[in-house]
Amino acid sequence: MTLDINEILADMLNAIKGSVKDDWSVVKKSANNFIQSKKDRLELLANMRITGAIDNDFFEKRLADEKEILTSELHSIAIVNKVMAQNAANAAFKVLENVITTALII
């Protein structure tokens, strides 16, 4: 299965948008920059998991690290509170986890 990282990133941004709701106009540009800056790392991580180059435990640990980084980045936006930042990061990375799970089943 070939992953379309651009589609995945767009879905991750939509998950953030749904999580922050009314504050999306404030968060949009920064969130897009944050997600785009992770593109190569997330694509590599996803492909390594799908091909079996890394096991699920290692994948989950790296995913947790990436979620923490995104949460911290979202905290830098003054309007986003701690819970909102955590929920937005969780929503974004749930998209990636679902893609990987689906790819592993196929």
C-alpha atoms as a PDB file:
ATOM      1  CA  MET A   1       0.000   0.000   0.000  1.00  0.00           C
ATOM      2  CA  THR A   2       1.359   3.404  -0.988  1.00  0.00           C
ATOM      3  CA  LEU A   3       0.642   6.200   1.445  1.00  0.00           C
ATOM      4  CA  ASP A   4      -0.340   9.657   0.244  1.00  0.00           C
ATOM      5  CA  ILE A   5       1.369  11.698   2.948  1.00  0.00           C
ATOM      6  CA  ASN A   6      -0.184  14.939   1.679  1.00  0.00           C
ATOM      7  CA  GLU A   7      -3.676  13.489   2.066  1.00  0.00           C
ATOM      8  CA  ILE A   8      -2.814  12.191   5.527  1.00  0.00           C
ATOM      9  CA  LEU A   9      -1.476  15.591   6.590  1.00  0.00           C
ATOM     10  CA  ALA A  10      -4.611  17.283   5.246  1.00  0.00           C
ATOM     11  CA  ASP A  11      -6.746  14.849   7.247  1.00  0.00           C
ATOM     12  CA  MET A  12      -4.622  15.542  10.331  1.00  0.00           C
ATOM     13  CA  LEU A  13      -5.201  19.280   9.869  1.00  0.00           C
ATOM     14  CA  ASN A  14      -8.941  18.662   9.492  1.00  0.00           C
ATOM     15  CA  ALA A  15      -8.855  16.723  12.761  1.00  0.00           C
ATOM     16  CA  ILE A  16      -7.164  19.684  14.452  1.00  0.00           C
ATOM     17  CA  LYS A  17      -9.725  22.020  12.888  1.00  0.00           C
ATOM     18  CA  GLY A  18     -12.568  19.925  14.255  1.00  0.00           C
ATOM     19  CA  SER A  19     -10.951  19.900  17.675  1.00  0.00           C
ATOM     20  CA  VAL A  20     -10.326  23.645  18.000  1.00  0.00           C
ATOM     21  CA  LYS A  21     -13.583  24.584  16.245  1.00  0.00           C
ATOM     22  CA  ASP A  22     -14.216  28.338  16.562  1.00  0.00           C
ATOM     23  CA  ASP A  23     -10.523  29.096  17.088  1.00  0.00           C
ATOM     24  CA  TRP A  24      -9.461  27.529  13.771  1.00  0.00           C
ATOM     25  CA  SER A  25      -8.923  30.915  12.101  1.00  0.00           C
ATOM     26  CA  VAL A  26      -6.347  31.747  14.768  1.00  0.00           C
ATOM     27  CA  VAL A  27      -4.670  28.322  14.735  1.00  0.00           C
ATOM     28  CA  LYS A  28      -4.821  27.474  11.008  1.00  0.00           C
ATOM     29  CA  LYS A  29      -1.561  28.958   9.714  1.00  0.00           C
ATOM     30  CA  SER A  30       0.578  27.811  12.634  1.00  0.00           C
ATOM     31  CA  ALA A  31      -0.994  24.353  12.730  1.00  0.00           C
ATOM     32  CA  ASN A  32      -0.353  23.929   9.014  1.00  0.00           C
ATOM     33  CA  ASN A  33       3.283  24.956   9.466  1.00  0.00           C
ATOM     34  CA  PHE A  34       3.691  22.571  12.413  1.00  0.00           C
ATOM     35  CA  ILE A  35       2.203  19.630  10.503  1.00  0.00           C
ATOM     36  CA  GLN A  36       4.148  20.368   7.302  1.00  0.00           C
ATOM     37  CA  SER A  37       7.415  20.517   9.247  1.00  0.00           C
ATOM     38  CA  LYS A  38       6.807  16.897  10.307  1.00  0.00           C
ATOM     39  CA  LYS A  39       6.017  15.614   6.821  1.00  0.00           C
ATOM     40  CA  ASP A  40       9.253  13.740   6.136  1.00  0.00           C
ATOM     41  CA  ARG A  41       9.501  12.259   9.648  1.00  0.00           C
ATOM     42  CA  LEU A  42       5.903  11.080   9.692  1.00  0.00           C
ATOM     43  CA  GLU A  43       6.143   9.598   6.213  1.00  0.00           C
ATOM     44  CA  LEU A  44       9.316   7.716   7.165  1.00  0.00           C
ATOM     45  CA  LEU A  45       7.787   6.517  10.433  1.00  0.00           C
ATOM     46  CA  ALA A  46       4.599   5.333   8.708  1.00  0.00           C
ATOM     47  CA  ASN A  47       6.470   3.535   5.942  1.00  0.00           C
ATOM     48  CA  MET A  48       8.839   1.863   8.389  1.00  0.00           C
ATOM     49  CA  ARG A  49       5.888   0.575  10.419  1.00  0.00           C
ATOM     50  CA  ILE A  50       3.990  -0.679   7.390  1.00  0.00           C
ATOM     51  CA  THR A  51       7.005  -2.498   5.971  1.00  0.00           C
ATOM     52  CA  GLY A  52       7.816  -4.050   9.348  1.00  0.00           C
ATOM     53  CA  ALA A  53      11.138  -2.215   9.713  1.00  0.00           C
ATOM     54  CA  ILE A  54       9.963  -1.172  13.186  1.00  0.00           C
ATOM     55  CA  ASP A  55       7.626  -2.930  15.577  1.00  0.00           C
ATOM     56  CA  ASN A  56       4.446  -1.499  17.062  1.00  0.00           C
ATOM     57  CA  ASP A  57       6.035  -0.671  20.439  1.00  0.00           C
ATOM     58  CA  PHE A  58       8.749   1.422  18.818  1.00  0.00           C
ATOM     59  CA  PHE A  59       6.157   3.039  16.522  1.00  0.00           C
ATOM     60  CA  GLU A  60       3.894   3.930  19.450  1.00  0.00           C
ATOM     61  CA  LYS A  61       6.802   5.482  21.379  1.00  0.00           C
ATOM     62  CA  ARG A  62       7.838   7.625  18.426  1.00  0.00           C
ATOM     63  CA  LEU A  63       4.210   8.603  17.815  1.00  0.00           C
ATOM     64  CA  ALA A  64       3.901   9.659  21.464  1.00  0.00           C
ATOM     65  CA  ASP A  65       7.020  11.802  21.027  1.00  0.00           C
ATOM     66  CA  GLU A  66       5.557  13.442  17.928  1.00  0.00           C
ATOM     67  CA  LYS A  67       2.269  14.116  19.750  1.00  0.00           C
ATOM     68  CA  GLU A  68       4.167  15.798  22.602  1.00  0.00           C
ATOM     69  CA  ILE A  69       6.070  17.960  20.133  1.00  0.00           C
ATOM     70  CA  LEU A  70       2.849  19.011  18.382  1.00  0.00           C
ATOM     71  CA  THR A  71       1.161  19.701  21.707  1.00  0.00           C
ATOM     72  CA  SER A  72       4.059  21.936  22.734  1.00  0.00           C
ATOM     73  CA  GLU A  73       3.963  23.718  19.397  1.00  0.00           C
ATOM     74  CA  LEU A  74       0.230  24.308  19.713  1.00  0.00           C
ATOM     75  CA  HIS A  75       0.775  25.699  23.202  1.00  0.00           C
ATOM     76  CA  SER A  76       2.780  28.464  21.578  1.00  0.00           C
ATOM     77  CA  ILE A  77      -0.446  29.844  20.138  1.00  0.00           C
ATOM     78  CA  ALA A  78      -1.785  32.060  22.909  1.00  0.00           C
ATOM     79  CA  ILE A  79      -5.475  31.306  22.360  1.00  0.00           C
ATOM     80  CA  VAL A  80      -5.095  27.556  22.603  1.00  0.00           C
ATOM     81  CA  ASN A  81      -5.311  26.277  26.156  1.00  0.00           C
ATOM     82  CA  LYS A  82      -3.609  23.131  27.419  1.00  0.00           C
ATOM     83  CA  VAL A  83      -6.606  20.808  27.017  1.00  0.00           C
ATOM     84  CA  MET A  84      -7.412  22.161  23.561  1.00  0.00           C
ATOM     85  CA  ALA A  85      -3.795  21.700  22.442  1.00  0.00           C
ATOM     86  CA  GLN A  86      -3.697  18.125  23.747  1.00  0.00           C
ATOM     87  CA  ASN A  87      -7.037  17.267  22.148  1.00  0.00           C
ATOM     88  CA  ALA A  88      -5.954  18.756  18.819  1.00  0.00           C
ATOM     89  CA  ALA A  89      -2.673  16.820  18.818  1.00  0.00           C
ATOM     90  CA  ASN A  90      -4.467  13.597  19.772  1.00  0.00           C
ATOM     91  CA  ALA A  91      -7.023  14.088  16.995  1.00  0.00           C
ATOM     92  CA  ALA A  92      -4.310  14.715  14.411  1.00  0.00           C
ATOM     93  CA  PHE A  93      -2.264  11.671  15.320  1.00  0.00           C
ATOM     94  CA  LYS A  94      -5.316   9.437  15.556  1.00  0.00           C
ATOM     95  CA  VAL A  95      -5.660  10.008  11.805  1.00  0.00           C
ATOM     96  CA  LEU A  96      -2.136   8.717  11.211  1.00  0.00           C
ATOM     97  CA  GLU A  97      -2.641   5.748  13.549  1.00  0.00           C
ATOM     98  CA  ASN A  98      -5.834   4.779  11.696  1.00  0.00           C
ATOM     99  CA  VAL A  99      -4.074   4.919   8.323  1.00  0.00           C
ATOM    100  CA  ILE A 100      -1.288   2.675   9.613  1.00  0.00           C
ATOM    101  CA  THR A 101      -3.726   0.217  11.168  1.00  0.00           C
ATOM    102  CA  THR A 102      -5.688   0.027   7.930  1.00  0.00           C
ATOM    103  CA  ALA A 103      -2.512  -0.449   5.894  1.00  0.00           C
ATOM    104  CA  LEU A 104      -1.371  -3.290   8.146  1.00  0.00           C
ATOM    105  CA  ILE A 105      -4.699  -5.097   7.733  1.00  0.00           C
ATOM    106  CA  ILE A 106      -4.620  -4.918   3.925  1.00  0.00           C
END
